[in-house]
């Protein structure tokens, strides 16, 4: 199956949503998105880590070093209070967008 390209801004929403379940290291975030999308989305390190850094700078997430399930040192990211508000706003925007696109796709031939 061909991989889907993420729309601009979508990665932030997916990362925030995954971190809503609890702290996770970068590789775990990428794996969870991959698994939850049923293999349709694959987040590359070159996209994920700049996004994590950007979200950390904005105060949406915070990071601290810990030990992974493989007994390796890893940076774990967690959602902040500001990040939870951002997640709610981005999720609402995404739902409005997908509903609007769905309406156009469903009704384009009616007019």
N, C-alpha and C. Protein backbone atom coordinates (compact mmCIF):
# COMPACT_ATOMS: atom_id res chain seq x y z
N UNK A 1 0.85 -1.17 0.00
CA UNK A 1 0.00 0.00 0.00
C UNK A 1 0.89 1.23 0.00
N UNK A 2 0.56 2.21 -0.81
CA UNK A 2 1.31 3.45 -0.87
C UNK A 2 1.13 4.24 0.42
N UNK A 3 2.19 4.85 0.87
CA UNK A 3 2.13 5.67 2.08
C UNK A 3 1.46 7.00 1.76
N UNK A 4 0.73 7.50 2.72
CA UNK A 4 0.04 8.77 2.56
C UNK A 4 0.94 9.90 3.02
N UNK A 5 0.86 11.02 2.35
CA UNK A 5 1.59 12.22 2.75
C UNK A 5 0.74 12.95 3.79
N UNK A 6 1.36 13.39 4.85
CA UNK A 6 0.64 14.16 5.86
C UNK A 6 0.46 15.58 5.38
N UNK A 7 -0.73 16.13 5.57
CA UNK A 7 -0.97 17.54 5.27
C UNK A 7 -0.19 18.38 6.28
N UNK A 8 0.19 19.57 5.87
CA UNK A 8 0.94 20.44 6.77
C UNK A 8 0.15 20.69 8.05
N UNK A 9 0.79 20.55 9.18
CA UNK A 9 0.15 20.75 10.47
C UNK A 9 -0.46 19.49 11.05
N UNK A 10 -0.64 18.48 10.24
CA UNK A 10 -1.26 17.24 10.70
C UNK A 10 -0.35 16.49 11.67
N UNK A 11 0.95 16.55 11.44
CA UNK A 11 1.87 15.83 12.31
C UNK A 11 1.76 16.34 13.75
N UNK A 12 1.65 17.64 13.92
CA UNK A 12 1.51 18.19 15.27
C UNK A 12 0.27 17.62 15.94
N UNK A 13 -0.83 17.59 15.23
CA UNK A 13 -2.08 17.05 15.79
C UNK A 13 -1.90 15.58 16.19
N UNK A 14 -1.29 14.79 15.33
CA UNK A 14 -1.11 13.36 15.63
C UNK A 14 -0.20 13.15 16.83
N UNK A 15 0.87 13.91 16.90
CA UNK A 15 1.80 13.78 18.04
C UNK A 15 1.10 14.18 19.34
N UNK A 16 0.40 15.30 19.31
CA UNK A 16 -0.31 15.74 20.52
C UNK A 16 -1.33 14.70 20.95
N UNK A 17 -2.03 14.13 19.97
CA UNK A 17 -3.07 13.14 20.30
C UNK A 17 -2.46 11.87 20.90
N UNK A 18 -1.33 11.42 20.34
CA UNK A 18 -0.66 10.23 20.87
C UNK A 18 -0.15 10.51 22.29
N UNK A 19 0.41 11.69 22.51
CA UNK A 19 0.93 12.02 23.84
C UNK A 19 -0.17 12.26 24.86
N UNK A 20 -1.38 12.45 24.41
CA UNK A 20 -2.51 12.61 25.32
C UNK A 20 -2.70 11.36 26.18
N UNK A 21 -2.24 10.23 25.69
CA UNK A 21 -2.36 8.97 26.43
C UNK A 21 -1.27 8.81 27.48
N UNK A 22 -0.20 9.62 27.39
CA UNK A 22 0.87 9.53 28.36
C UNK A 22 2.22 9.79 27.72
N UNK A 23 3.25 10.01 28.55
CA UNK A 23 4.59 10.30 28.03
C UNK A 23 5.12 9.17 27.15
N UNK A 24 5.92 9.55 26.16
CA UNK A 24 6.44 8.56 25.22
C UNK A 24 7.71 9.12 24.58
N UNK A 25 8.64 8.24 24.22
CA UNK A 25 9.85 8.69 23.52
C UNK A 25 9.55 8.79 22.03
N UNK A 26 10.45 9.46 21.30
CA UNK A 26 10.22 9.75 19.89
C UNK A 26 9.95 8.52 19.05
N UNK A 27 10.77 7.49 19.21
CA UNK A 27 10.55 6.27 18.42
C UNK A 27 9.18 5.67 18.73
N UNK A 28 8.79 5.71 19.99
CA UNK A 28 7.47 5.18 20.38
C UNK A 28 6.33 5.97 19.74
N UNK A 29 6.49 7.29 19.67
CA UNK A 29 5.48 8.13 19.04
C UNK A 29 5.32 7.75 17.57
N UNK A 30 6.45 7.63 16.87
CA UNK A 30 6.42 7.27 15.44
C UNK A 30 5.79 5.89 15.24
N UNK A 31 6.16 4.96 16.10
CA UNK A 31 5.61 3.60 15.99
C UNK A 31 4.11 3.58 16.24
N UNK A 32 3.67 4.33 17.25
CA UNK A 32 2.23 4.35 17.58
C UNK A 32 1.42 4.94 16.43
N UNK A 33 1.91 6.02 15.83
CA UNK A 33 1.20 6.61 14.68
C UNK A 33 1.15 5.60 13.54
N UNK A 34 2.24 4.93 13.32
CA UNK A 34 2.30 3.91 12.26
C UNK A 34 1.28 2.79 12.52
N UNK A 35 1.27 2.29 13.73
CA UNK A 35 0.35 1.18 14.06
C UNK A 35 -1.11 1.62 14.05
N UNK A 36 -1.39 2.79 14.63
CA UNK A 36 -2.78 3.25 14.68
C UNK A 36 -3.34 3.60 13.31
N UNK A 37 -2.46 3.94 12.38
CA UNK A 37 -2.91 4.26 11.02
C UNK A 37 -2.99 3.02 10.14
N UNK A 38 -2.81 1.85 10.75
CA UNK A 38 -2.84 0.59 10.00
C UNK A 38 -1.84 0.60 8.85
N UNK A 39 -0.63 1.07 9.17
CA UNK A 39 0.48 1.05 8.22
C UNK A 39 0.37 2.11 7.11
N UNK A 40 -0.60 3.01 7.21
CA UNK A 40 -0.77 4.03 6.16
C UNK A 40 0.16 5.22 6.36
N UNK A 41 0.52 5.51 7.61
CA UNK A 41 1.35 6.68 7.90
C UNK A 41 2.66 6.23 8.52
N UNK A 42 3.73 6.76 7.99
CA UNK A 42 5.06 6.49 8.56
C UNK A 42 5.74 7.84 8.76
N UNK A 43 6.03 8.14 10.02
CA UNK A 43 6.66 9.41 10.34
C UNK A 43 8.17 9.20 10.40
N UNK A 44 8.87 9.92 9.56
CA UNK A 44 10.34 9.81 9.50
C UNK A 44 10.98 10.67 10.59
N UNK A 45 12.14 10.24 11.05
CA UNK A 45 12.87 10.98 12.09
C UNK A 45 13.10 12.42 11.68
N UNK A 46 13.38 12.64 10.38
CA UNK A 46 13.67 13.98 9.89
C UNK A 46 12.49 14.92 10.00
N UNK A 47 11.30 14.39 10.13
CA UNK A 47 10.10 15.20 10.33
C UNK A 47 9.70 15.24 11.80
N UNK A 48 9.84 14.10 12.47
CA UNK A 48 9.35 13.99 13.85
C UNK A 48 10.15 14.86 14.82
N UNK A 49 11.47 14.74 14.80
CA UNK A 49 12.25 15.43 15.83
C UNK A 49 12.21 16.95 15.69
N UNK A 50 12.24 17.51 14.47
CA UNK A 50 12.04 18.96 14.38
C UNK A 50 10.65 19.38 14.90
N UNK A 51 9.64 18.55 14.66
CA UNK A 51 8.29 18.86 15.15
C UNK A 51 8.27 18.82 16.68
N UNK A 52 8.92 17.81 17.26
CA UNK A 52 8.96 17.71 18.72
C UNK A 52 9.69 18.92 19.31
N UNK A 53 10.79 19.30 18.71
CA UNK A 53 11.55 20.47 19.18
C UNK A 53 10.69 21.72 19.09
N UNK A 54 9.99 21.89 17.96
CA UNK A 54 9.14 23.08 17.77
C UNK A 54 8.01 23.11 18.80
N UNK A 55 7.39 21.95 19.04
CA UNK A 55 6.28 21.90 20.01
C UNK A 55 6.78 22.13 21.43
N UNK A 56 8.00 21.69 21.71
CA UNK A 56 8.59 21.91 23.02
C UNK A 56 8.84 23.41 23.22
N UNK A 57 9.36 24.07 22.18
CA UNK A 57 9.60 25.52 22.25
C UNK A 57 8.31 26.29 22.47
N UNK A 58 7.22 25.82 21.89
CA UNK A 58 5.92 26.50 22.04
C UNK A 58 5.27 26.20 23.38
N UNK A 59 5.85 25.27 24.13
CA UNK A 59 5.30 24.92 25.44
C UNK A 59 4.17 23.92 25.38
N UNK A 60 3.97 23.28 24.25
CA UNK A 60 2.90 22.29 24.11
C UNK A 60 3.29 20.96 24.73
N UNK A 61 4.59 20.67 24.70
CA UNK A 61 5.10 19.43 25.29
C UNK A 61 6.33 19.76 26.12
N UNK A 62 6.67 18.86 27.02
CA UNK A 62 7.90 18.98 27.78
C UNK A 62 8.61 17.65 27.69
N UNK A 63 9.94 17.69 27.88
CA UNK A 63 10.72 16.47 27.72
C UNK A 63 11.64 16.25 28.91
N UNK A 64 11.87 15.00 29.22
CA UNK A 64 12.88 14.65 30.22
C UNK A 64 13.48 13.30 29.85
N UNK A 65 14.72 13.12 30.25
CA UNK A 65 15.42 11.88 29.92
C UNK A 65 14.96 10.76 30.83
N UNK A 66 14.88 9.57 30.27
CA UNK A 66 14.50 8.39 31.03
C UNK A 66 15.08 7.16 30.36
N UNK A 67 14.61 6.00 30.77
CA UNK A 67 15.09 4.73 30.22
C UNK A 67 13.94 4.06 29.48
N UNK A 68 14.20 3.66 28.23
CA UNK A 68 13.16 3.04 27.41
C UNK A 68 12.94 1.59 27.81
N UNK A 69 11.94 0.98 27.19
CA UNK A 69 11.64 -0.43 27.45
C UNK A 69 12.78 -1.35 27.00
N UNK A 70 13.67 -0.83 26.17
CA UNK A 70 14.86 -1.57 25.72
C UNK A 70 16.07 -1.29 26.60
N UNK A 71 15.83 -0.63 27.73
CA UNK A 71 16.88 -0.27 28.67
C UNK A 71 17.90 0.69 28.05
N UNK A 72 17.39 1.57 27.18
CA UNK A 72 18.24 2.59 26.56
C UNK A 72 17.82 3.97 27.06
N UNK A 73 18.78 4.86 27.10
CA UNK A 73 18.49 6.23 27.50
C UNK A 73 17.69 6.88 26.37
N UNK A 74 16.57 7.51 26.71
CA UNK A 74 15.72 8.14 25.70
C UNK A 74 15.05 9.38 26.30
N UNK A 75 14.73 10.29 25.43
CA UNK A 75 14.02 11.50 25.84
C UNK A 75 12.52 11.23 25.75
N UNK A 76 11.83 11.38 26.86
CA UNK A 76 10.39 11.14 26.90
C UNK A 76 9.66 12.48 26.84
N UNK A 77 8.63 12.53 26.01
CA UNK A 77 7.85 13.75 25.80
C UNK A 77 6.49 13.58 26.45
N UNK A 78 6.03 14.67 27.05
CA UNK A 78 4.71 14.65 27.70
C UNK A 78 3.95 15.92 27.33
N UNK A 79 2.65 15.80 27.28
CA UNK A 79 1.78 16.92 26.97
C UNK A 79 1.72 17.87 28.17
N UNK A 80 1.75 19.17 27.93
CA UNK A 80 1.59 20.16 28.99
C UNK A 80 0.12 20.62 29.01
N UNK A 81 -0.21 21.46 29.97
CA UNK A 81 -1.56 22.02 30.02
C UNK A 81 -1.85 22.83 28.75
N UNK A 82 -0.86 23.61 28.34
CA UNK A 82 -0.99 24.39 27.09
C UNK A 82 -1.16 23.44 25.91
N UNK A 83 -0.43 22.33 25.92
CA UNK A 83 -0.53 21.34 24.85
C UNK A 83 -1.91 20.71 24.78
N UNK A 84 -2.52 20.48 25.93
CA UNK A 84 -3.89 19.91 25.92
C UNK A 84 -4.88 20.89 25.29
N UNK A 85 -4.71 22.16 25.58
CA UNK A 85 -5.58 23.17 24.94
C UNK A 85 -5.32 23.21 23.44
N UNK A 86 -4.05 23.12 23.04
CA UNK A 86 -3.71 23.12 21.62
C UNK A 86 -4.30 21.90 20.93
N UNK A 87 -4.22 20.76 21.59
CA UNK A 87 -4.80 19.53 21.03
C UNK A 87 -6.30 19.70 20.79
N UNK A 88 -7.00 20.25 21.77
CA UNK A 88 -8.45 20.46 21.60
C UNK A 88 -8.74 21.38 20.43
N UNK A 89 -7.96 22.45 20.31
CA UNK A 89 -8.18 23.41 19.22
C UNK A 89 -7.87 22.78 17.86
N UNK A 90 -6.75 22.06 17.79
CA UNK A 90 -6.37 21.45 16.51
C UNK A 90 -7.32 20.33 16.12
N UNK A 91 -7.80 19.57 17.09
CA UNK A 91 -8.73 18.50 16.79
C UNK A 91 -10.06 19.07 16.29
N UNK A 92 -10.52 20.15 16.90
CA UNK A 92 -11.77 20.79 16.45
C UNK A 92 -11.61 21.32 15.02
N UNK A 93 -10.48 21.93 14.74
CA UNK A 93 -10.24 22.44 13.39
C UNK A 93 -10.21 21.30 12.38
N UNK A 94 -9.52 20.20 12.75
CA UNK A 94 -9.44 19.04 11.86
C UNK A 94 -10.83 18.47 11.57
N UNK A 95 -11.66 18.35 12.60
CA UNK A 95 -13.01 17.81 12.42
C UNK A 95 -13.86 18.71 11.52
N UNK A 96 -13.72 20.03 11.67
CA UNK A 96 -14.45 20.96 10.79
C UNK A 96 -13.98 20.80 9.35
N UNK A 97 -12.66 20.70 9.17
CA UNK A 97 -12.09 20.57 7.83
C UNK A 97 -12.56 19.28 7.16
N UNK A 98 -12.46 18.16 7.86
CA UNK A 98 -12.85 16.88 7.24
C UNK A 98 -14.35 16.83 6.96
N UNK A 99 -15.15 17.45 7.82
CA UNK A 99 -16.59 17.50 7.56
C UNK A 99 -16.89 18.32 6.31
N UNK A 100 -16.19 19.45 6.17
CA UNK A 100 -16.41 20.31 5.00
C UNK A 100 -15.97 19.61 3.71
N UNK A 101 -14.82 18.95 3.75
CA UNK A 101 -14.35 18.23 2.56
C UNK A 101 -15.32 17.09 2.23
N UNK A 102 -15.79 16.40 3.25
CA UNK A 102 -16.76 15.32 3.05
C UNK A 102 -18.03 15.81 2.39
N UNK A 103 -18.50 16.98 2.80
CA UNK A 103 -19.71 17.54 2.20
C UNK A 103 -19.49 17.86 0.73
N UNK A 104 -18.35 18.42 0.42
CA UNK A 104 -18.06 18.74 -0.99
C UNK A 104 -18.00 17.46 -1.81
N UNK A 105 -17.31 16.45 -1.31
CA UNK A 105 -17.21 15.18 -2.04
C UNK A 105 -18.56 14.53 -2.24
N UNK A 106 -19.41 14.62 -1.25
CA UNK A 106 -20.72 13.97 -1.32
C UNK A 106 -21.71 14.73 -2.18
N UNK A 107 -21.60 16.05 -2.22
CA UNK A 107 -22.63 16.86 -2.87
C UNK A 107 -22.20 17.57 -4.14
N UNK A 108 -21.00 17.34 -4.61
CA UNK A 108 -20.48 18.09 -5.76
C UNK A 108 -21.31 17.86 -7.02
N UNK A 109 -21.92 16.70 -7.17
CA UNK A 109 -22.69 16.41 -8.37
C UNK A 109 -24.15 16.86 -8.28
N UNK A 110 -24.58 17.32 -7.11
CA UNK A 110 -25.99 17.68 -6.89
C UNK A 110 -26.36 19.01 -7.55
N UNK A 111 -25.48 19.92 -7.63
CA UNK A 111 -25.83 21.25 -8.12
C UNK A 111 -25.95 21.33 -9.62
